[in-house]
C-alpha atoms as a PDB file:
ATOM      1  CA  MET A   1     118.092 166.391  89.891  1.00  0.00           C
ATOM      2  CA  ALA A   2     116.217 163.353  88.657  1.00  0.00           C
ATOM      3  CA  PHE A   3     119.480 161.935  87.279  1.00  0.00           C
ATOM      4  CA  SER A   4     121.285 162.263  90.608  1.00  0.00           C
ATOM      5  CA  SER A   5     118.316 160.704  92.414  1.00  0.00           C
ATOM      6  CA  THR A   6     118.347 157.762  90.021  1.00  0.00           C
ATOM      7  CA  ARG A   7     122.089 157.398  90.418  1.00  0.00           C
ATOM      8  CA  TRP A   8     121.742 157.437  94.199  1.00  0.00           C
ATOM      9  CA  THR A   9     119.123 154.700  93.971  1.00  0.00           C
ATOM     10  CA  HIS A  10     121.446 152.575  91.848  1.00  0.00           C
ATOM     11  CA  GLU A  11     124.316 153.192  94.241  1.00  0.00           C
ATOM     12  CA  ARG A  12     122.193 152.213  97.220  1.00  0.00           C
ATOM     13  CA  TRP A  13     121.099 149.029  95.427  1.00  0.00           C
ATOM     14  CA  LEU A  14     124.701 148.071  94.643  1.00  0.00           C
ATOM     15  CA  SER A  15     125.897 148.834  98.179  1.00  0.00           C
ATOM     16  CA  THR A  16     123.087 146.838  99.775  1.00  0.00           C
ATOM     17  CA  TRP A  17     123.660 143.760  97.626  1.00  0.00           C
ATOM     18  CA  ALA A  18     127.431 143.973  97.972  1.00  0.00           C
ATOM     19  CA  TYR A  19     126.933 143.890 101.743  1.00  0.00           C
ATOM     20  CA  ILE A  20     124.514 140.941 101.602  1.00  0.00           C
ATOM     21  CA  LEU A  21     126.617 138.883  99.188  1.00  0.00           C
ATOM     22  CA  ASN A  22     129.852 139.543 101.093  1.00  0.00           C
ATOM     23  CA  SER A  23     128.124 138.474 104.316  1.00  0.00           C
ATOM     24  CA  LEU A  24     126.866 135.273 102.706  1.00  0.00           C
ATOM     25  CA  SER A  25     130.332 134.620 101.286  1.00  0.00           C
ATOM     26  CA  HIS A  26     131.837 134.850 104.782  1.00  0.00           C
ATOM     27  CA  GLY A  27     129.166 132.455 106.049  1.00  0.00           C
ATOM     28  CA  ILE A  28     129.741 129.946 103.227  1.00  0.00           C
ATOM     29  CA  THR A  29     133.495 130.024 103.908  1.00  0.00           C
ATOM     30  CA  ALA A  30     132.860 129.293 107.582  1.00  0.00           C
ATOM     31  CA  VAL A  31     130.519 126.387 106.772  1.00  0.00           C
ATOM     32  CA  ASP A  32     132.989 124.907 104.283  1.00  0.00           C
ATOM     33  CA  ALA A  33     135.779 125.147 106.855  1.00  0.00           C
ATOM     34  CA  GLU A  34     133.656 123.373 109.472  1.00  0.00           C
ATOM     35  CA  ARG A  35     132.697 120.628 107.002  1.00  0.00           C
ATOM     36  CA  ASN A  36     136.349 120.096 106.111  1.00  0.00           C
ATOM     37  CA  GLU A  37     137.175 119.804 109.808  1.00  0.00           C
ATOM     38  CA  VAL A  38     134.514 117.099 110.247  1.00  0.00           C
ATOM     39  CA  LEU A  39     135.821 115.213 107.208  1.00  0.00           C
ATOM     40  CA  GLU A  40     139.335 115.445 108.616  1.00  0.00           C
ATOM     41  CA  LEU A  41     138.150 113.890 111.882  1.00  0.00           C
ATOM     42  CA  LEU A  42     136.528 111.043 109.954  1.00  0.00           C
ATOM     43  CA  ARG A  43     139.896 110.156 108.441  1.00  0.00           C
ATOM     44  CA  SER A  44     140.608 108.324 111.672  1.00  0.00           C
ATOM     45  CA  PRO A  45     139.740 104.650 110.963  1.00  0.00           C
ATOM     46  CA  ASP A  46     138.449 104.055 114.489  1.00  0.00           C
ATOM     47  CA  LYS A  47     136.173 107.089 114.500  1.00  0.00           C
ATOM     48  CA  ARG A  48     134.957 106.417 110.964  1.00  0.00           C
ATOM     49  CA  ALA A  49     134.136 102.815 111.901  1.00  0.00           C
ATOM     50  CA  ARG A  50     132.186 103.884 115.007  1.00  0.00           C
ATOM     51  CA  VAL A  51     130.250 106.534 113.115  1.00  0.00           C
ATOM     52  CA  GLY A  52     129.624 104.107 110.270  1.00  0.00           C
ATOM     53  CA  LEU A  53     128.050 101.595 112.624  1.00  0.00           C
ATOM     54  CA  ALA A  54     125.978 104.304 114.302  1.00  0.00           C
ATOM     55  CA  VAL A  55     124.704 105.546 110.917  1.00  0.00           C
ATOM     56  CA  ASN A  56     123.013 102.200 110.269  1.00  0.00           C
ATOM     57  CA  GLY A  57     119.275 102.794 110.413  1.00  0.00           C
ATOM     58  CA  VAL A  58     119.586 106.598 110.023  1.00  0.00           C
ATOM     59  CA  SER A  59     117.787 108.039 106.989  1.00  0.00           C
ATOM     60  CA  TRP A  60     117.304 111.612 105.830  1.00  0.00           C
ATOM     61  CA  ALA A  61     115.660 110.853 102.465  1.00  0.00           C
ATOM     62  CA  ASP A  62     112.174 110.846 104.015  1.00  0.00           C
ATOM     63  CA  LEU A  63     112.705 114.467 105.108  1.00  0.00           C
ATOM     64  CA  TYR A  64     112.364 115.501 101.455  1.00  0.00           C
ATOM     65  CA  GLU A  65     108.700 114.550 101.603  1.00  0.00           C
ATOM     66  CA  TRP A  66     108.175 117.425 104.037  1.00  0.00           C
ATOM     67  CA  PRO A  67     107.685 121.034 102.876  1.00  0.00           C
ATOM     68  CA  ILE A  68     111.128 122.654 102.806  1.00  0.00           C
ATOM     69  CA  GLN A  69     110.239 125.188 105.504  1.00  0.00           C
ATOM     70  CA  ALA A  70     109.113 122.479 107.924  1.00  0.00           C
ATOM     71  CA  GLN A  71     112.191 120.369 107.174  1.00  0.00           C
ATOM     72  CA  PHE A  72     114.584 123.272 107.788  1.00  0.00           C
ATOM     73  CA  VAL A  73     112.950 124.182 111.105  1.00  0.00           C
ATOM     74  CA  TRP A  74     112.958 120.561 112.282  1.00  0.00           C
ATOM     75  CA  SER A  75     116.575 120.032 111.193  1.00  0.00           C
ATOM     76  CA  ALA A  76     117.732 123.236 112.908  1.00  0.00           C
ATOM     77  CA  VAL A  77     116.049 122.154 116.142  1.00  0.00           C
ATOM     78  CA  ARG A  78     117.604 118.684 115.910  1.00  0.00           C
ATOM     79  CA  ILE A  79     121.101 119.902 115.039  1.00  0.00           C
ATOM     80  CA  ILE A  80     121.574 122.997 117.207  1.00  0.00           C
ATOM     81  CA  PRO A  81     121.436 122.679 121.011  1.00  0.00           C
ATOM     82  CA  ILE A  82     118.519 124.560 122.587  1.00  0.00           C
ATOM     83  CA  VAL A  83     120.804 127.053 124.376  1.00  0.00           C
ATOM     84  CA  GLU A  84     122.643 127.983 121.173  1.00  0.00           C
ATOM     85  CA  LEU A  85     119.405 128.104 119.181  1.00  0.00           C
ATOM     86  CA  TYR A  86     118.016 130.578 121.716  1.00  0.00           C
ATOM     87  CA  GLN A  87     121.146 132.723 121.558  1.00  0.00           C
ATOM     88  CA  LEU A  88     121.187 132.656 117.759  1.00  0.00           C
ATOM     89  CA  PHE A  89     117.591 133.747 117.166  1.00  0.00           C
ATOM     90  CA  TRP A  90     116.905 135.935 120.179  1.00  0.00           C
ATOM     91  CA  PRO A  91     116.223 139.407 118.656  1.00  0.00           C
ATOM     92  CA  ALA A  92     118.608 141.194 121.020  1.00  0.00           C
ATOM     93  CA  ASN A  93     121.514 139.072 119.786  1.00  0.00           C
ATOM     94  CA  PHE A  94     120.681 138.889 116.083  1.00  0.00           C
ATOM     95  CA  ARG A  95     122.271 142.189 114.982  1.00  0.00           C
ATOM     96  CA  LYS A  96     125.447 141.407 116.905  1.00  0.00           C
ATOM     97  CA  ARG A  97     125.701 137.900 115.457  1.00  0.00           C
ATOM     98  CA  PHE A  98     125.074 139.168 111.922  1.00  0.00           C
ATOM     99  CA  ALA A  99     127.793 141.806 112.311  1.00  0.00           C
ATOM    100  CA  GLU A 100     130.218 139.153 113.605  1.00  0.00           C
ATOM    101  CA  LEU A 101     129.385 136.957 110.606  1.00  0.00           C
ATOM    102  CA  HIS A 102     129.996 139.829 108.195  1.00  0.00           C
ATOM    103  CA  ASP A 103     133.351 140.767 109.779  1.00  0.00           C
ATOM    104  CA  GLY A 104     134.517 137.177 110.170  1.00  0.00           C
ATOM    105  CA  ARG A 105     134.586 137.503 113.981  1.00  0.00           C
ATOM    106  CA  MET A 106     131.888 134.970 114.869  1.00  0.00           C
ATOM    107  CA  MET A 107     133.221 132.614 117.508  1.00  0.00           C
ATOM    108  CA  GLU A 108     133.051 128.896 116.870  1.00  0.00           C
ATOM    109  CA  SER A 109     130.505 126.906 118.812  1.00  0.00           C
ATOM    110  CA  SER A 110     131.759 125.184 121.966  1.00  0.00           C
ATOM    111  CA  TYR A 111     129.303 122.347 121.351  1.00  0.00           C
ATOM    112  CA  GLU A 112     131.027 119.104 120.372  1.00  0.00           C
ATOM    113  CA  PRO A 113     128.641 116.302 119.427  1.00  0.00           C
ATOM    114  CA  SER A 114     129.411 112.829 120.677  1.00  0.00           C
ATOM    115  CA  THR A 115     129.873 109.862 118.353  1.00  0.00           C
ATOM    116  CA  ARG A 116     126.378 108.774 119.349  1.00  0.00           C
ATOM    117  CA  GLU A 117     124.893 112.130 118.284  1.00  0.00           C
ATOM    118  CA  MET A 118     126.956 112.433 115.109  1.00  0.00           C
ATOM    119  CA  PRO A 119     124.667 110.318 112.839  1.00  0.00           C
ATOM    120  CA  LYS A 120     121.619 112.438 113.717  1.00  0.00           C
ATOM    121  CA  ILE A 121     123.527 115.641 112.973  1.00  0.00           C
ATOM    122  CA  MET A 122     125.042 114.266 109.765  1.00  0.00           C
ATOM    123  CA  ALA A 123     121.627 113.159 108.507  1.00  0.00           C
ATOM    124  CA  HIS A 124     120.005 116.549 108.998  1.00  0.00           C
ATOM    125  CA  MET A 125     123.028 118.366 107.568  1.00  0.00           C
ATOM    126  CA  GLN A 126     122.916 116.141 104.483  1.00  0.00           C
ATOM    127  CA  ALA A 127     119.243 116.951 103.978  1.00  0.00           C
ATOM    128  CA  MET A 128     119.729 120.700 104.405  1.00  0.00           C
ATOM    129  CA  SER A 129     122.765 120.720 102.097  1.00  0.00           C
ATOM    130  CA  ALA A 130     120.893 118.833  99.371  1.00  0.00           C
ATOM    131  CA  GLN A 131     117.938 121.215  99.608  1.00  0.00           C
ATOM    132  CA  LEU A 132     120.267 124.185  99.053  1.00  0.00           C
ATOM    133  CA  ARG A 133     122.123 122.371  96.276  1.00  0.00           C
ATOM    134  CA  ALA A 134     118.822 121.713  94.489  1.00  0.00           C
ATOM    135  CA  LEU A 135     117.753 125.345  94.791  1.00  0.00           C
ATOM    136  CA  VAL A 136     121.032 126.586  93.336  1.00  0.00           C
ATOM    137  CA  TYR A 137     121.214 123.928  90.614  1.00  0.00           C
ATOM    138  CA  CYS A 138     117.662 123.983  89.279  1.00  0.00           C
ATOM    139  CA  GLY A 139     115.742 126.651  91.203  1.00  0.00           C
ATOM    140  CA  ARG A 140     113.601 124.032  92.959  1.00  0.00           C
ATOM    141  CA  SER A 141     113.921 122.367  96.335  1.00  0.00           C
ATOM    142  CA  MET A 142     114.301 118.631  96.899  1.00  0.00           C
ATOM    143  CA  SER A 143     110.857 118.730  98.502  1.00  0.00           C
ATOM    144  CA  ASP A 144     109.421 120.188  95.291  1.00  0.00           C
ATOM    145  CA  LEU A 145     111.205 117.583  93.151  1.00  0.00           C
ATOM    146  CA  ILE A 146     109.898 114.694  95.247  1.00  0.00           C
ATOM    147  CA  ARG A 147     106.401 116.166  95.143  1.00  0.00           C
ATOM    148  CA  GLY A 148     106.625 116.316  91.344  1.00  0.00           C
ATOM    149  CA  ALA A 149     107.864 112.730  91.262  1.00  0.00           C
ATOM    150  CA  ARG A 150     104.930 111.592  93.412  1.00  0.00           C
ATOM    151  CA  GLU A 151     102.618 113.239  90.873  1.00  0.00           C
ATOM    152  CA  GLY A 152     104.115 111.065  88.132  1.00  0.00           C
ATOM    153  CA  ASN A 153     107.046 113.074  86.745  1.00  0.00           C
ATOM    154  CA  ASP A 154     110.000 110.676  86.651  1.00  0.00           C
ATOM    155  CA  GLU A 155     112.302 113.453  85.384  1.00  0.00           C
ATOM    156  CA  ASP A 156     111.933 115.162  88.764  1.00  0.00           C
ATOM    157  CA  PHE A 157     112.899 111.912  90.491  1.00  0.00           C
ATOM    158  CA  PHE A 158     115.979 111.464  88.290  1.00  0.00           C
ATOM    159  CA  LEU A 159     117.086 115.044  88.980  1.00  0.00           C
ATOM    160  CA  ALA A 160     116.638 114.470  92.720  1.00  0.00           C
ATOM    161  CA  VAL A 161     118.774 111.316  92.436  1.00  0.00           C
ATOM    162  CA  ARG A 162     121.609 113.310  90.834  1.00  0.00           C
ATOM    163  CA  ILE A 163     121.455 115.863  93.645  1.00  0.00           C
ATOM    164  CA  ASP A 164     121.301 113.288  96.445  1.00  0.00           C
ATOM    165  CA  PRO A 165     121.483 109.560  95.572  1.00  0.00           C
ATOM    166  CA  ALA A 166     120.082 108.775  99.034  1.00  0.00           C
ATOM    167  CA  VAL A 167     116.579 109.556  97.753  1.00  0.00           C
ATOM    168  CA  ILE A 168     116.349 105.955  96.491  1.00  0.00           C
ATOM    169  CA  THR A 169     116.335 104.846 100.153  1.00  0.00           C
ATOM    170  CA  GLY A 170     113.343 107.033 101.055  1.00  0.00           C
ATOM    171  CA  ARG A 171     109.751 105.846 101.176  1.00  0.00           C
ATOM    172  CA  PHE A 172     108.840 107.228  97.767  1.00  0.00           C
ATOM    173  CA  GLY A 173     112.100 106.126  96.112  1.00  0.00           C
ATOM    174  CA  ALA A 174     111.748 102.576  97.363  1.00  0.00           C
ATOM    175  CA  ARG A 175     108.126 102.384  96.180  1.00  0.00           C
ATOM    176  CA  ARG A 176     108.964 103.778  92.728  1.00  0.00           C
ATOM    177  CA  ILE A 177     111.836 101.332  92.196  1.00  0.00           C
ATOM    178  CA  GLN A 178     109.711  98.399  93.363  1.00  0.00           C
ATOM    179  CA  ARG A 179     106.991  99.401  90.899  1.00  0.00           C
ATOM    180  CA  ALA A 180     109.515  99.588  88.052  1.00  0.00           C
ATOM    181  CA  LEU A 181     110.771  96.106  88.891  1.00  0.00           C
ATOM    182  CA  ALA A 182     107.275  94.689  89.317  1.00  0.00           C
ATOM    183  CA  ILE A 183     105.914  95.841  85.945  1.00  0.00           C
ATOM    184  CA  SER A 184     109.262  95.609  84.106  1.00  0.00           C
ATOM    185  CA  GLU A 185     110.340  99.143  83.211  1.00  0.00           C
ATOM    186  CA  PRO A 186     113.885  98.613  81.872  1.00  0.00           C
ATOM    187  CA  ARG A 187     114.128 102.176  80.576  1.00  0.00           C
ATOM    188  CA  PHE A 188     113.429 103.555  84.056  1.00  0.00           C
ATOM    189  CA  MET A 189     116.073 101.319  85.643  1.00  0.00           C
ATOM    190  CA  THR A 190     118.652 102.158  82.965  1.00  0.00           C
ATOM    191  CA  THR A 191     118.083 105.891  83.407  1.00  0.00           C
ATOM    192  CA  LEU A 192     118.230 105.533  87.184  1.00  0.00           C
ATOM    193  CA  THR A 193     121.601 103.770  86.909  1.00  0.00           C
ATOM    194  CA  THR A 194     122.913 106.568  84.680  1.00  0.00           C
ATOM    195  CA  MET A 195     121.751 109.237  87.151  1.00  0.00           C
ATOM    196  CA  LEU A 196     123.473 107.439  90.022  1.00  0.00           C
ATOM    197  CA  ARG A 197     126.718 107.481  88.043  1.00  0.00           C
ATOM    198  CA  THR A 198     126.514 111.214  87.251  1.00  0.00           C
ATOM    199  CA  PRO A 199     125.905 113.133  90.492  1.00  0.00           C
ATOM    200  CA  ILE A 200     126.147 116.905  90.361  1.00  0.00           C
ATOM    201  CA  LYS A 201     128.903 118.757  92.189  1.00  0.00           C
ATOM    202  CA  ALA A 202     128.668 119.260  95.934  1.00  0.00           C
ATOM    203  CA  GLU A 203     127.346 122.668  96.978  1.00  0.00           C
ATOM    204  CA  GLY A 204     130.780 123.748  98.186  1.00  0.00           C
ATOM    205  CA  GLU A 205     132.141 123.321  94.648  1.00  0.00           C
ATOM    206  CA  LEU A 206     129.405 125.297  92.907  1.00  0.00           C
ATOM    207  CA  ASP A 207     130.345 128.666  91.512  1.00  0.00           C
ATOM    208  CA  ARG A 208     129.404 131.294  94.106  1.00  0.00           C
ATOM    209  CA  LEU A 209     128.394 133.625  91.336  1.00  0.00           C
ATOM    210  CA  GLN A 210     125.648 131.117  90.462  1.00  0.00           C
ATOM    211  CA  ARG A 211     124.413 131.326  94.047  1.00  0.00           C
ATOM    212  CA  ALA A 212     124.370 135.112  93.878  1.00  0.00           C
ATOM    213  CA  LEU A 213     122.451 135.142  90.582  1.00  0.00           C
ATOM    214  CA  TRP A 214     119.957 132.637  91.939  1.00  0.00           C
ATOM    215  CA  LEU A 215     119.402 134.813  95.032  1.00  0.00           C
ATOM    216  CA  LEU A 216     118.923 137.941  92.893  1.00  0.00           C
ATOM    217  CA  SER A 217     116.470 136.031  90.699  1.00  0.00           C
ATOM    218  CA  LEU A 218     114.561 134.682  93.700  1.00  0.00           C
ATOM    219  CA  THR A 219     114.133 138.188  95.133  1.00  0.00           C
ATOM    220  CA  LYS A 220     113.126 139.682  91.743  1.00  0.00           C
ATOM    221  CA  GLN A 221     116.233 141.897  91.689  1.00  0.00           C
ATOM    222  CA  LEU A 222     117.988 140.470  88.645  1.00  0.00           C
ATOM    223  CA  GLN A 223     116.257 143.055  86.463  1.00  0.00           C
ATOM    224  CA  HIS A 224     118.392 145.773  88.064  1.00  0.00           C
ATOM    225  CA  LEU A 225     121.552 144.341  86.542  1.00  0.00           C
ATOM    226  CA  THR A 226     123.142 146.031  83.560  1.00  0.00           C
ATOM    227  CA  GLU A 227     126.557 145.198  82.164  1.00  0.00           C
ATOM    228  CA  GLU A 228     128.148 148.078  84.092  1.00  0.00           C
ATOM    229  CA  ARG A 229     126.373 147.369  87.384  1.00  0.00           C
ATOM    230  CA  ALA A 230     127.158 143.653  87.140  1.00  0.00           C
ATOM    231  CA  ALA A 231     130.863 144.467  86.782  1.00  0.00           C
ATOM    232  CA  GLU A 232     130.688 146.874  89.719  1.00  0.00           C
ATOM    233  CA  LEU A 233     128.901 144.356  91.936  1.00  0.00           C
ATOM    234  CA  PHE A 234     130.620 141.082  91.033  1.00  0.00           C
ATOM    235  CA  ILE A 235     134.129 142.146  89.966  1.00  0.00           C
ATOM    236  CA  ARG A 236     134.987 145.212  92.033  1.00  0.00           C
ATOM    237  CA  ARG A 237     132.817 145.066  95.185  1.00  0.00           C
ATOM    238  CA  THR A 238     132.352 141.391  95.978  1.00  0.00           C
ATOM    239  CA  ARG A 239     135.002 139.791  93.714  1.00  0.00           C
ATOM    240  CA  LEU A 240     132.714 136.814  93.187  1.00  0.00           C
ATOM    241  CA  TYR A 241     133.607 136.653  89.507  1.00  0.00           C
ATOM    242  CA  ARG A 242     137.005 135.187  88.811  1.00  0.00           C
ATOM    243  CA  GLN A 243     138.167 136.539  85.484  1.00  0.00           C
ATOM    244  CA  HIS A 244     139.802 133.282  84.320  1.00  0.00           C
ATOM    245  CA  GLY A 245     142.251 135.200  82.161  1.00  0.00           C
ATOM    246  CA  ALA A 246     139.574 137.029  80.183  1.00  0.00           C
ATOM    247  CA  ARG A 247     140.921 140.063  78.338  1.00  0.00           C
ATOM    248  CA  ASP A 248     137.654 141.930  78.799  1.00  0.00           C
ATOM    249  CA  ALA A 249     136.429 140.816  82.220  1.00  0.00           C
ATOM    250  CA  GLN A 250     133.302 142.982  82.145  1.00  0.00           C
ATOM    251  CA  ARG A 251     132.147 141.615  78.810  1.00  0.00           C
ATOM    252  CA  SER A 252     133.041 138.057  79.814  1.00  0.00           C
ATOM    253  CA  LEU A 253     130.992 138.421  83.000  1.00  0.00           C
ATOM    254  CA  TRP A 254     127.986 139.788  81.113  1.00  0.00           C
ATOM    255  CA  ARG A 255     128.036 136.853  78.679  1.00  0.00           C
ATOM    256  CA  TYR A 256     128.187 134.496  81.665  1.00  0.00           C
ATOM    257  CA  ILE A 257     125.131 136.189  83.214  1.00  0.00           C
ATOM    258  CA  GLN A 258     123.173 136.081  79.937  1.00  0.00           C
ATOM    259  CA  ARG A 259     123.867 132.354  79.578  1.00  0.00           C
ATOM    260  CA  TRP A 260     122.745 131.805  83.172  1.00  0.00           C
ATOM    261  CA  LYS A 261     119.521 133.754  82.619  1.00  0.00           C
ATOM    262  CA  LYS A 262     118.796 131.797  79.430  1.00  0.00           C
ATOM    263  CA  ASN A 263     119.313 128.452  81.172  1.00  0.00           C
ATOM    264  CA  HIS A 264     117.230 129.566  84.150  1.00  0.00           C
ATOM    265  CA  ALA A 265     114.399 130.719  81.871  1.00  0.00           C
ATOM    266  CA  THR A 266     114.523 127.394  80.009  1.00  0.00           C
ATOM    267  CA  LYS A 267     114.224 125.387  83.236  1.00  0.00           C
ATOM    268  CA  SER A 268     111.366 127.604  84.446  1.00  0.00           C
ATOM    269  CA  GLY A 269     109.586 127.156  81.110  1.00  0.00           C
ATOM    270  CA  GLN A 270     109.977 123.385  81.272  1.00  0.00           C
ATOM    271  CA  LYS A 271     108.509 123.383  84.781  1.00  0.00           C
ATOM    272  CA  MET A 272     105.545 125.506  83.700  1.00  0.00           C
ATOM    273  CA  SER A 273     104.859 123.373  80.613  1.00  0.00           C
ATOM    274  CA  SER A 274     104.908 120.190  82.704  1.00  0.00           C
ATOM    275  CA  GLN A 275     102.100 121.608  84.855  1.00  0.00           C
ATOM    276  CA  PHE A 276      99.633 121.862  81.925  1.00  0.00           C
END
């Protein structure tokens, strides 16, 4: 009896996370498609020129000096029209919208920003995308990295630069570069140049399995994974793991997860050691 109860618990865990990860996968696909549509529109020289002129004076780097929660709320309010924001978060509509997202039936927004509004929307989208990219890449937000840099950790600043080079235009970035020039820190400037030349991949190109593992780690659920459950969740139920021609896909996946956990533990240890 205890065995069947334990098995049911494992099955429920797998089913719940398969549902969540499939829903997020649908959402990521929709976001990527919308981003590609925007980029396609910007291929028009006239539109790109108008947007380029309008972008002058717009900065999102200073948003990283806010706590991530405050920045996300402010960006959502600035990007999404009030009517759509109300419809999205009103409790009576939430279950319906979530079901539509999961099934791929969510209707596209009828809101079309004007060229004048586009820079504001692009700025906030850039900031939100970089925050997510930082969380997936190193388990820390851009806000956390900039806070660490303000406290004197240049490694945090260099990592933030790789995630979003625009941080050098923010208030802190400008001050730090000016200080390096004023007191002659050639090593800092050389490293900064290297970081600008080696940006990390955009969030749309990151392996979705990495996102899933990060989410499981964040919610303290990674401990539930065994080799068999990982194969069930990521190969058979969500298909997030592409086998890449591996003869033993289950074993290949488990090695991938172990490497990820080791790297994640190393980064967490480095963060903890830097605090003492």
